[in-house]
ModelCIF file with pLDDT and N, C-alpha, C, O atoms, coordinates in Angstrom:
data_MODEL
#
_entry.id   MODEL 
#
_entity.id                         1 
_entity.type                       polymer 
_entity.pdbx_number_of_molecules   1 
#
_entity_poly.entity_id                      1 
_entity_poly.type                           'polypeptide(L)' 
_entity_poly.nstd_linkage                   no 
_entity_poly.nstd_monomer                   no 
_entity_poly.pdbx_seq_one_letter_code       TSDQRLAQKLHEAIEKNIRLQRPDAARNAVRRLLANTDEVIGRS 
_entity_poly.pdbx_seq_one_letter_code_can   TSDQRLAQKLHEAIEKNIRLQRPDAARNAVRRLLANTDEVIGRS 
_entity_poly.pdbx_strand_id                 A 
#
loop_
_entity_poly_seq.entity_id 
_entity_poly_seq.num 
_entity_poly_seq.mon_id 
_entity_poly_seq.hetero 
1 1  THR n 
1 2  SER n 
1 3  ASP n 
1 4  GLN n 
1 5  ARG n 
1 6  LEU n 
1 7  ALA n 
1 8  GLN n 
1 9  LYS n 
1 10 LEU n 
1 11 HIS n 
1 12 GLU n 
1 13 ALA n 
1 14 ILE n 
1 15 GLU n 
1 16 LYS n 
1 17 ASN n 
1 18 ILE n 
1 19 ARG n 
1 20 LEU n 
1 21 GLN n 
1 22 ARG n 
1 23 PRO n 
1 24 ASP n 
1 25 ALA n 
1 26 ALA n 
1 27 ARG n 
1 28 ASN n 
1 29 ALA n 
1 30 VAL n 
1 31 ARG n 
1 32 ARG n 
1 33 LEU n 
1 34 LEU n 
1 35 ALA n 
1 36 ASN n 
1 37 THR n 
1 38 ASP n 
1 39 GLU n 
1 40 VAL n 
1 41 ILE n 
1 42 GLY n 
1 43 ARG n 
1 44 SER n 
#
_struct_asym.id          A 
_struct_asym.entity_id   1 
#
loop_
_ma_qa_metric.id 
_ma_qa_metric.mode 
_ma_qa_metric.name 
_ma_qa_metric.software_group_id 
_ma_qa_metric.type 
1 global pLDDT . pLDDT 
2 local  pLDDT . pLDDT 
#
_ma_qa_metric_global.metric_id      1 
_ma_qa_metric_global.metric_value   92.02 
_ma_qa_metric_global.model_id       1 
_ma_qa_metric_global.ordinal_id     1 
#
loop_
_ma_qa_metric_local.label_asym_id 
_ma_qa_metric_local.label_comp_id 
_ma_qa_metric_local.label_seq_id 
_ma_qa_metric_local.metric_id 
_ma_qa_metric_local.metric_value 
_ma_qa_metric_local.model_id 
_ma_qa_metric_local.ordinal_id 
A THR 1  2 72.00 1 1  
A SER 2  2 64.00 1 2  
A ASP 3  2 74.00 1 3  
A GLN 4  2 84.00 1 4  
A ARG 5  2 90.00 1 5  
A LEU 6  2 92.00 1 6  
A ALA 7  2 90.00 1 7  
A GLN 8  2 95.00 1 8  
A LYS 9  2 96.00 1 9  
A LEU 10 2 96.00 1 10 
A HIS 11 2 97.00 1 11 
A GLU 12 2 98.00 1 12 
A ALA 13 2 98.00 1 13 
A ILE 14 2 98.00 1 14 
A GLU 15 2 98.00 1 15 
A LYS 16 2 98.00 1 16 
A ASN 17 2 98.00 1 17 
A ILE 18 2 98.00 1 18 
A ARG 19 2 98.00 1 19 
A LEU 20 2 98.00 1 20 
A GLN 21 2 98.00 1 21 
A ARG 22 2 98.00 1 22 
A PRO 23 2 98.00 1 23 
A ASP 24 2 98.00 1 24 
A ALA 25 2 98.00 1 25 
A ALA 26 2 98.00 1 26 
A ARG 27 2 98.00 1 27 
A ASN 28 2 98.00 1 28 
A ALA 29 2 98.00 1 29 
A VAL 30 2 98.00 1 30 
A ARG 31 2 98.00 1 31 
A ARG 32 2 97.00 1 32 
A LEU 33 2 96.00 1 33 
A LEU 34 2 95.00 1 34 
A ALA 35 2 95.00 1 35 
A ASN 36 2 92.00 1 36 
A THR 37 2 91.00 1 37 
A ASP 38 2 91.00 1 38 
A GLU 39 2 88.00 1 39 
A VAL 40 2 85.00 1 40 
A ILE 41 2 84.00 1 41 
A GLY 42 2 82.00 1 42 
A ARG 43 2 77.00 1 43 
A SER 44 2 66.00 1 44 
#
loop_
_atom_site.group_PDB 
_atom_site.id 
_atom_site.type_symbol 
_atom_site.label_atom_id 
_atom_site.label_alt_id 
_atom_site.label_comp_id 
_atom_site.label_asym_id 
_atom_site.label_entity_id 
_atom_site.label_seq_id 
_atom_site.pdbx_PDB_ins_code 
_atom_site.Cartn_x 
_atom_site.Cartn_y 
_atom_site.Cartn_z 
_atom_site.occupancy 
_atom_site.B_iso_or_equiv 
_atom_site.pdbx_formal_charge 
_atom_site.auth_seq_id 
_atom_site.auth_comp_id 
_atom_site.auth_asym_id 
_atom_site.auth_atom_id 
_atom_site.pdbx_PDB_model_num 
ATOM 1   N N  . THR A 1 1  ? 0.835   -1.204 0.000  1.00 72.00 ? 1  THR A N  1 
ATOM 2   C CA . THR A 1 1  ? 0.000   0.000  0.000  1.00 72.00 ? 1  THR A CA 1 
ATOM 3   C C  . THR A 1 1  ? 0.867   1.250  0.000  1.00 72.00 ? 1  THR A C  1 
ATOM 4   O O  . THR A 1 1  ? 1.676   1.466  0.902  1.00 72.00 ? 1  THR A O  1 
ATOM 5   N N  . SER A 1 2  ? 0.682   2.066  -1.028 1.00 64.00 ? 2  SER A N  1 
ATOM 6   C CA . SER A 1 2  ? 1.454   3.315  -1.110 1.00 64.00 ? 2  SER A CA 1 
ATOM 7   C C  . SER A 1 2  ? 0.779   4.430  -0.315 1.00 64.00 ? 2  SER A C  1 
ATOM 8   O O  . SER A 1 2  ? 1.455   5.332  0.180  1.00 64.00 ? 2  SER A O  1 
ATOM 9   N N  . ASP A 1 3  ? -0.550  4.377  -0.188 1.00 74.00 ? 3  ASP A N  1 
ATOM 10  C CA . ASP A 1 3  ? -1.287  5.426  0.511  1.00 74.00 ? 3  ASP A CA 1 
ATOM 11  C C  . ASP A 1 3  ? -1.699  4.923  1.898  1.00 74.00 ? 3  ASP A C  1 
ATOM 12  O O  . ASP A 1 3  ? -2.810  4.429  2.090  1.00 74.00 ? 3  ASP A O  1 
ATOM 13  N N  . GLN A 1 4  ? -0.788  5.058  2.852  1.00 84.00 ? 4  GLN A N  1 
ATOM 14  C CA . GLN A 1 4  ? -1.080  4.617  4.213  1.00 84.00 ? 4  GLN A CA 1 
ATOM 15  C C  . GLN A 1 4  ? -2.126  5.506  4.882  1.00 84.00 ? 4  GLN A C  1 
ATOM 16  O O  . GLN A 1 4  ? -2.829  5.075  5.796  1.00 84.00 ? 4  GLN A O  1 
ATOM 17  N N  . ARG A 1 5  ? -2.219  6.739  4.420  1.00 90.00 ? 5  ARG A N  1 
ATOM 18  C CA . ARG A 1 5  ? -3.215  7.639  5.018  1.00 90.00 ? 5  ARG A CA 1 
ATOM 19  C C  . ARG A 1 5  ? -4.634  7.158  4.726  1.00 90.00 ? 5  ARG A C  1 
ATOM 20  O O  . ARG A 1 5  ? -5.509  7.234  5.589  1.00 90.00 ? 5  ARG A O  1 
ATOM 21  N N  . LEU A 1 6  ? -4.863  6.659  3.499  1.00 92.00 ? 6  LEU A N  1 
ATOM 22  C CA . LEU A 1 6  ? -6.182  6.131  3.167  1.00 92.00 ? 6  LEU A CA 1 
ATOM 23  C C  . LEU A 1 6  ? -6.493  4.912  4.033  1.00 92.00 ? 6  LEU A C  1 
ATOM 24  O O  . LEU A 1 6  ? -7.595  4.792  4.568  1.00 92.00 ? 6  LEU A O  1 
ATOM 25  N N  . ALA A 1 7  ? -5.525  4.012  4.169  1.00 90.00 ? 7  ALA A N  1 
ATOM 26  C CA . ALA A 1 7  ? -5.728  2.818  4.988  1.00 90.00 ? 7  ALA A CA 1 
ATOM 27  C C  . ALA A 1 7  ? -6.063  3.201  6.427  1.00 90.00 ? 7  ALA A C  1 
ATOM 28  O O  . ALA A 1 7  ? -6.931  2.593  7.052  1.00 90.00 ? 7  ALA A O  1 
ATOM 29  N N  . GLN A 1 8  ? -5.372  4.210  6.947  1.00 95.00 ? 8  GLN A N  1 
ATOM 30  C CA . GLN A 1 8  ? -5.633  4.645  8.317  1.00 95.00 ? 8  GLN A CA 1 
ATOM 31  C C  . GLN A 1 8  ? -7.028  5.246  8.447  1.00 95.00 ? 8  GLN A C  1 
ATOM 32  O O  . GLN A 1 8  ? -7.722  4.992  9.431  1.00 95.00 ? 8  GLN A O  1 
ATOM 33  N N  . LYS A 1 9  ? -7.446  6.041  7.460  1.00 96.00 ? 9  LYS A N  1 
ATOM 34  C CA . LYS A 1 9  ? -8.783  6.638  7.503  1.00 96.00 ? 9  LYS A CA 1 
ATOM 35  C C  . LYS A 1 9  ? -9.878  5.570  7.470  1.00 96.00 ? 9  LYS A C  1 
ATOM 36  O O  . LYS A 1 9  ? -10.907 5.704  8.133  1.00 96.00 ? 9  LYS A O  1 
ATOM 37  N N  . LEU A 1 10 ? -9.647  4.518  6.698  1.00 96.00 ? 10 LEU A N  1 
ATOM 38  C CA . LEU A 1 10 ? -10.629 3.442  6.632  1.00 96.00 ? 10 LEU A CA 1 
ATOM 39  C C  . LEU A 1 10 ? -10.763 2.737  7.988  1.00 96.00 ? 10 LEU A C  1 
ATOM 40  O O  . LEU A 1 10 ? -11.865 2.367  8.392  1.00 96.00 ? 10 LEU A O  1 
ATOM 41  N N  . HIS A 1 11 ? -9.649  2.555  8.679  1.00 97.00 ? 11 HIS A N  1 
ATOM 42  C CA . HIS A 1 11 ? -9.699  1.959  10.014 1.00 97.00 ? 11 HIS A CA 1 
ATOM 43  C C  . HIS A 1 11 ? -10.356 2.912  11.015 1.00 97.00 ? 11 HIS A C  1 
ATOM 44  O O  . HIS A 1 11 ? -11.125 2.482  11.874 1.00 97.00 ? 11 HIS A O  1 
ATOM 45  N N  . GLU A 1 12 ? -10.053 4.184  10.900 1.00 98.00 ? 12 GLU A N  1 
ATOM 46  C CA . GLU A 1 12 ? -10.633 5.173  11.812 1.00 98.00 ? 12 GLU A CA 1 
ATOM 47  C C  . GLU A 1 12 ? -12.146 5.261  11.637 1.00 98.00 ? 12 GLU A C  1 
ATOM 48  O O  . GLU A 1 12 ? -12.869 5.507  12.603 1.00 98.00 ? 12 GLU A O  1 
ATOM 49  N N  . ALA A 1 13 ? -12.631 5.059  10.405 1.00 98.00 ? 13 ALA A N  1 
ATOM 50  C CA . ALA A 1 13 ? -14.075 5.080  10.172 1.00 98.00 ? 13 ALA A CA 1 
ATOM 51  C C  . ALA A 1 13 ? -14.751 3.909  10.889 1.00 98.00 ? 13 ALA A C  1 
ATOM 52  O O  . ALA A 1 13 ? -15.846 4.052  11.433 1.00 98.00 ? 13 ALA A O  1 
ATOM 53  N N  . ILE A 1 14 ? -14.091 2.757  10.884 1.00 98.00 ? 14 ILE A N  1 
ATOM 54  C CA . ILE A 1 14 ? -14.637 1.605  11.609 1.00 98.00 ? 14 ILE A CA 1 
ATOM 55  C C  . ILE A 1 14 ? -14.675 1.911  13.107 1.00 98.00 ? 14 ILE A C  1 
ATOM 56  O O  . ILE A 1 14 ? -15.690 1.692  13.769 1.00 98.00 ? 14 ILE A O  1 
ATOM 57  N N  . GLU A 1 15 ? -13.570 2.416  13.627 1.00 98.00 ? 15 GLU A N  1 
ATOM 58  C CA . GLU A 1 15 ? -13.476 2.754  15.051 1.00 98.00 ? 15 GLU A CA 1 
ATOM 59  C C  . GLU A 1 15 ? -14.559 3.749  15.452 1.00 98.00 ? 15 GLU A C  1 
ATOM 60  O O  . GLU A 1 15 ? -15.215 3.587  16.480 1.00 98.00 ? 15 GLU A O  1 
ATOM 61  N N  . LYS A 1 16 ? -14.737 4.774  14.634 1.00 98.00 ? 16 LYS A N  1 
ATOM 62  C CA . LYS A 1 16 ? -15.709 5.824  14.949 1.00 98.00 ? 16 LYS A CA 1 
ATOM 63  C C  . LYS A 1 16 ? -17.124 5.264  15.022 1.00 98.00 ? 16 LYS A C  1 
ATOM 64  O O  . LYS A 1 16 ? -17.868 5.575  15.952 1.00 98.00 ? 16 LYS A O  1 
ATOM 65  N N  . ASN A 1 17 ? -17.498 4.444  14.049 1.00 98.00 ? 17 ASN A N  1 
ATOM 66  C CA . ASN A 1 17 ? -18.870 3.948  14.012 1.00 98.00 ? 17 ASN A CA 1 
ATOM 67  C C  . ASN A 1 17 ? -19.151 2.917  15.100 1.00 98.00 ? 17 ASN A C  1 
ATOM 68  O O  . ASN A 1 17 ? -20.285 2.795  15.563 1.00 98.00 ? 17 ASN A O  1 
ATOM 69  N N  . ILE A 1 18 ? -18.134 2.182  15.506 1.00 98.00 ? 18 ILE A N  1 
ATOM 70  C CA . ILE A 1 18 ? -18.321 1.289  16.659 1.00 98.00 ? 18 ILE A CA 1 
ATOM 71  C C  . ILE A 1 18 ? -18.458 2.130  17.924 1.00 98.00 ? 18 ILE A C  1 
ATOM 72  O O  . ILE A 1 18 ? -19.302 1.857  18.777 1.00 98.00 ? 18 ILE A O  1 
ATOM 73  N N  . ARG A 1 19 ? -17.621 3.149  18.031 1.00 98.00 ? 19 ARG A N  1 
ATOM 74  C CA . ARG A 1 19 ? -17.671 4.026  19.217 1.00 98.00 ? 19 ARG A CA 1 
ATOM 75  C C  . ARG A 1 19 ? -19.023 4.720  19.330 1.00 98.00 ? 19 ARG A C  1 
ATOM 76  O O  . ARG A 1 19 ? -19.558 4.855  20.430 1.00 98.00 ? 19 ARG A O  1 
ATOM 77  N N  . LEU A 1 20 ? -19.586 5.167  18.194 1.00 98.00 ? 20 LEU A N  1 
ATOM 78  C CA . LEU A 1 20 ? -20.868 5.875  18.195 1.00 98.00 ? 20 LEU A CA 1 
ATOM 79  C C  . LEU A 1 20 ? -22.057 4.912  18.138 1.00 98.00 ? 20 LEU A C  1 
ATOM 80  O O  . LEU A 1 20 ? -23.212 5.330  18.065 1.00 98.00 ? 20 LEU A O  1 
ATOM 81  N N  . GLN A 1 21 ? -21.746 3.622  18.174 1.00 98.00 ? 21 GLN A N  1 
ATOM 82  C CA . GLN A 1 21 ? -22.762 2.566  18.208 1.00 98.00 ? 21 GLN A CA 1 
ATOM 83  C C  . GLN A 1 21 ? -23.711 2.644  17.005 1.00 98.00 ? 21 GLN A C  1 
ATOM 84  O O  . GLN A 1 21 ? -24.934 2.679  17.148 1.00 98.00 ? 21 GLN A O  1 
ATOM 85  N N  . ARG A 1 22 ? -23.104 2.669  15.829 1.00 98.00 ? 22 ARG A N  1 
ATOM 86  C CA . ARG A 1 22 ? -23.839 2.680  14.561 1.00 98.00 ? 22 ARG A CA 1 
ATOM 87  C C  . ARG A 1 22 ? -23.546 1.363  13.819 1.00 98.00 ? 22 ARG A C  1 
ATOM 88  O O  . ARG A 1 22 ? -22.606 1.309  13.026 1.00 98.00 ? 22 ARG A O  1 
ATOM 89  N N  . PRO A 1 23 ? -24.312 0.331  14.056 1.00 98.00 ? 23 PRO A N  1 
ATOM 90  C CA . PRO A 1 23 ? -24.005 -0.981 13.478 1.00 98.00 ? 23 PRO A CA 1 
ATOM 91  C C  . PRO A 1 23 ? -23.984 -1.008 11.951 1.00 98.00 ? 23 PRO A C  1 
ATOM 92  O O  . PRO A 1 23 ? -23.077 -1.595 11.361 1.00 98.00 ? 23 PRO A O  1 
ATOM 93  N N  . ASP A 1 24 ? -24.977 -0.377 11.297 1.00 98.00 ? 24 ASP A N  1 
ATOM 94  C CA . ASP A 1 24 ? -25.007 -0.396 9.829  1.00 98.00 ? 24 ASP A CA 1 
ATOM 95  C C  . ASP A 1 24 ? -23.802 0.337  9.250  1.00 98.00 ? 24 ASP A C  1 
ATOM 96  O O  . ASP A 1 24 ? -23.193 -0.123 8.284  1.00 98.00 ? 24 ASP A O  1 
ATOM 97  N N  . ALA A 1 25 ? -23.464 1.473  9.842  1.00 98.00 ? 25 ALA A N  1 
ATOM 98  C CA . ALA A 1 25 ? -22.316 2.242  9.357  1.00 98.00 ? 25 ALA A CA 1 
ATOM 99  C C  . ALA A 1 25 ? -21.017 1.498  9.615  1.00 98.00 ? 25 ALA A C  1 
ATOM 100 O O  . ALA A 1 25 ? -20.100 1.550  8.795  1.00 98.00 ? 25 ALA A O  1 
ATOM 101 N N  . ALA A 1 26 ? -20.925 0.807  10.746 1.00 98.00 ? 26 ALA A N  1 
ATOM 102 C CA . ALA A 1 26 ? -19.726 0.028  11.056 1.00 98.00 ? 26 ALA A CA 1 
ATOM 103 C C  . ALA A 1 26 ? -19.563 -1.106 10.054 1.00 98.00 ? 26 ALA A C  1 
ATOM 104 O O  . ALA A 1 26 ? -18.460 -1.359 9.570  1.00 98.00 ? 26 ALA A O  1 
ATOM 105 N N  . ARG A 1 27 ? -20.660 -1.787 9.745  1.00 98.00 ? 27 ARG A N  1 
ATOM 106 C CA . ARG A 1 27 ? -20.633 -2.882 8.763  1.00 98.00 ? 27 ARG A CA 1 
ATOM 107 C C  . ARG A 1 27 ? -20.134 -2.378 7.410  1.00 98.00 ? 27 ARG A C  1 
ATOM 108 O O  . ARG A 1 27 ? -19.283 -3.011 6.785  1.00 98.00 ? 27 ARG A O  1 
ATOM 109 N N  . ASN A 1 28 ? -20.661 -1.240 6.961  1.00 98.00 ? 28 ASN A N  1 
ATOM 110 C CA . ASN A 1 28 ? -20.275 -0.691 5.666  1.00 98.00 ? 28 ASN A CA 1 
ATOM 111 C C  . ASN A 1 28 ? -18.828 -0.195 5.667  1.00 98.00 ? 28 ASN A C  1 
ATOM 112 O O  . ASN A 1 28 ? -18.129 -0.298 4.659  1.00 98.00 ? 28 ASN A O  1 
ATOM 113 N N  . ALA A 1 29 ? -18.390 0.339  6.800  1.00 98.00 ? 29 ALA A N  1 
ATOM 114 C CA . ALA A 1 29 ? -17.000 0.806  6.901  1.00 98.00 ? 29 ALA A CA 1 
ATOM 115 C C  . ALA A 1 29 ? -16.032 -0.362 6.753  1.00 98.00 ? 29 ALA A C  1 
ATOM 116 O O  . ALA A 1 29 ? -14.991 -0.231 6.108  1.00 98.00 ? 29 ALA A O  1 
ATOM 117 N N  . VAL A 1 30 ? -16.370 -1.501 7.347  1.00 98.00 ? 30 VAL A N  1 
ATOM 118 C CA . VAL A 1 30 ? -15.526 -2.698 7.198  1.00 98.00 ? 30 VAL A CA 1 
ATOM 119 C C  . VAL A 1 30 ? -15.514 -3.162 5.748  1.00 98.00 ? 30 VAL A C  1 
ATOM 120 O O  . VAL A 1 30 ? -14.466 -3.545 5.229  1.00 98.00 ? 30 VAL A O  1 
ATOM 121 N N  . ARG A 1 31 ? -16.655 -3.132 5.101  1.00 98.00 ? 31 ARG A N  1 
ATOM 122 C CA . ARG A 1 31 ? -16.715 -3.555 3.698  1.00 98.00 ? 31 ARG A CA 1 
ATOM 123 C C  . ARG A 1 31 ? -15.849 -2.661 2.808  1.00 98.00 ? 31 ARG A C  1 
ATOM 124 O O  . ARG A 1 31 ? -15.230 -3.144 1.859  1.00 98.00 ? 31 ARG A O  1 
ATOM 125 N N  . ARG A 1 32 ? -15.805 -1.362 3.110  1.00 97.00 ? 32 ARG A N  1 
ATOM 126 C CA . ARG A 1 32 ? -14.941 -0.474 2.330  1.00 97.00 ? 32 ARG A CA 1 
ATOM 127 C C  . ARG A 1 32 ? -13.470 -0.818 2.545  1.00 97.00 ? 32 ARG A C  1 
ATOM 128 O O  . ARG A 1 32 ? -12.677 -0.798 1.603  1.00 97.00 ? 32 ARG A O  1 
ATOM 129 N N  . LEU A 1 33 ? -13.109 -1.134 3.795  1.00 96.00 ? 33 LEU A N  1 
ATOM 130 C CA . LEU A 1 33 ? -11.730 -1.522 4.079  1.00 96.00 ? 33 LEU A CA 1 
ATOM 131 C C  . LEU A 1 33 ? -11.373 -2.813 3.353  1.00 96.00 ? 33 LEU A C  1 
ATOM 132 O O  . LEU A 1 33 ? -10.296 -2.919 2.767  1.00 96.00 ? 33 LEU A O  1 
ATOM 133 N N  . LEU A 1 34 ? -12.271 -3.794 3.390  1.00 95.00 ? 34 LEU A N  1 
ATOM 134 C CA . LEU A 1 34 ? -11.999 -5.068 2.728  1.00 95.00 ? 34 LEU A CA 1 
ATOM 135 C C  . LEU A 1 34 ? -11.897 -4.898 1.216  1.00 95.00 ? 34 LEU A C  1 
ATOM 136 O O  . LEU A 1 34 ? -11.076 -5.551 0.571  1.00 95.00 ? 34 LEU A O  1 
ATOM 137 N N  . ALA A 1 35 ? -12.724 -4.028 0.651  1.00 95.00 ? 35 ALA A N  1 
ATOM 138 C CA . ALA A 1 35 ? -12.640 -3.773 -0.790 1.00 95.00 ? 35 ALA A CA 1 
ATOM 139 C C  . ALA A 1 35 ? -11.295 -3.157 -1.148 1.00 95.00 ? 35 ALA A C  1 
ATOM 140 O O  . ALA A 1 35 ? -10.712 -3.480 -2.184 1.00 95.00 ? 35 ALA A O  1 
ATOM 141 N N  . ASN A 1 36 ? -10.809 -2.278 -0.297 1.00 92.00 ? 36 ASN A N  1 
ATOM 142 C CA . ASN A 1 36 ? -9.497  -1.675 -0.536 1.00 92.00 ? 36 ASN A CA 1 
ATOM 143 C C  . ASN A 1 36 ? -8.391  -2.729 -0.471 1.00 92.00 ? 36 ASN A C  1 
ATOM 144 O O  . ASN A 1 36 ? -7.464  -2.716 -1.281 1.00 92.00 ? 36 ASN A O  1 
ATOM 145 N N  . THR A 1 37 ? -8.495  -3.636 0.493  1.00 91.00 ? 37 THR A N  1 
ATOM 146 C CA . THR A 1 37 ? -7.506  -4.712 0.616  1.00 91.00 ? 37 THR A CA 1 
ATOM 147 C C  . THR A 1 37 ? -7.572  -5.644 -0.599 1.00 91.00 ? 37 THR A C  1 
ATOM 148 O O  . THR A 1 37 ? -6.541  -6.084 -1.108 1.00 91.00 ? 37 THR A O  1 
ATOM 149 N N  . ASP A 1 38 ? -8.785  -5.937 -1.055 1.00 91.00 ? 38 ASP A N  1 
ATOM 150 C CA . ASP A 1 38 ? -8.944  -6.770 -2.256 1.00 91.00 ? 38 ASP A CA 1 
ATOM 151 C C  . ASP A 1 38 ? -8.224  -6.122 -3.442 1.00 91.00 ? 38 ASP A C  1 
ATOM 152 O O  . ASP A 1 38 ? -7.571  -6.801 -4.234 1.00 91.00 ? 38 ASP A O  1 
ATOM 153 N N  . GLU A 1 39 ? -8.356  -4.807 -3.549 1.00 88.00 ? 39 GLU A N  1 
ATOM 154 C CA . GLU A 1 39 ? -7.729  -4.073 -4.660 1.00 88.00 ? 39 GLU A CA 1 
ATOM 155 C C  . GLU A 1 39 ? -6.206  -4.165 -4.565 1.00 88.00 ? 39 GLU A C  1 
ATOM 156 O O  . GLU A 1 39 ? -5.527  -4.336 -5.577 1.00 88.00 ? 39 GLU A O  1 
ATOM 157 N N  . VAL A 1 40 ? -5.675  -4.052 -3.354 1.00 85.00 ? 40 VAL A N  1 
ATOM 158 C CA . VAL A 1 40 ? -4.218  -4.144 -3.162 1.00 85.00 ? 40 VAL A CA 1 
ATOM 159 C C  . VAL A 1 40 ? -3.716  -5.524 -3.578 1.00 85.00 ? 40 VAL A C  1 
ATOM 160 O O  . VAL A 1 40 ? -2.694  -5.635 -4.256 1.00 85.00 ? 40 VAL A O  1 
ATOM 161 N N  . ILE A 1 41 ? -4.428  -6.572 -3.176 1.00 84.00 ? 41 ILE A N  1 
ATOM 162 C CA . ILE A 1 41 ? -4.042  -7.928 -3.543 1.00 84.00 ? 41 ILE A CA 1 
ATOM 163 C C  . ILE A 1 41 ? -4.131  -8.129 -5.049 1.00 84.00 ? 41 ILE A C  1 
ATOM 164 O O  . ILE A 1 41 ? -3.274  -8.773 -5.654 1.00 84.00 ? 41 ILE A O  1 
ATOM 165 N N  . GLY A 1 42 ? -5.182  -7.568 -5.647 1.00 82.00 ? 42 GLY A N  1 
ATOM 166 C CA . GLY A 1 42 ? -5.350  -7.678 -7.088 1.00 82.00 ? 42 GLY A CA 1 
ATOM 167 C C  . GLY A 1 42 ? -4.226  -6.990 -7.857 1.00 82.00 ? 42 GLY A C  1 
ATOM 168 O O  . GLY A 1 42 ? -3.759  -7.498 -8.876 1.00 82.00 ? 42 GLY A O  1 
ATOM 169 N N  . ARG A 1 43 ? -3.793  -5.826 -7.358 1.00 77.00 ? 43 ARG A N  1 
ATOM 170 C CA . ARG A 1 43 ? -2.710  -5.100 -8.030 1.00 77.00 ? 43 ARG A CA 1 
ATOM 171 C C  . ARG A 1 43 ? -1.406  -5.889 -7.988 1.00 77.00 ? 43 ARG A C  1 
ATOM 172 O O  . ARG A 1 43 ? -0.579  -5.783 -8.894 1.00 77.00 ? 43 ARG A O  1 
ATOM 173 N N  . SER A 1 44 ? -1.227  -6.676 -6.936 1.00 66.00 ? 44 SER A N  1 
ATOM 174 C CA . SER A 1 44 ? 0.052   -7.418 -6.810 1.00 66.00 ? 44 SER A CA 1 
ATOM 175 C C  . SER A 1 44 ? 0.200   -8.490 -7.866 1.00 66.00 ? 44 SER A C  1 
ATOM 176 O O  . SER A 1 44 ? 1.210   -9.193 -7.894 1.00 66.00 ? 44 SER A O  1 
#
């Protein structure tokens, strides 16, 4: 991953939505992180 800031923001979004007790938003935040990881693996 060349853009560590994006990866960190994706993790922070998960943390925030769990902290604010937003289950749907937390679920979607994880899916965005996983999609980003899928893209990194695909690029390799």
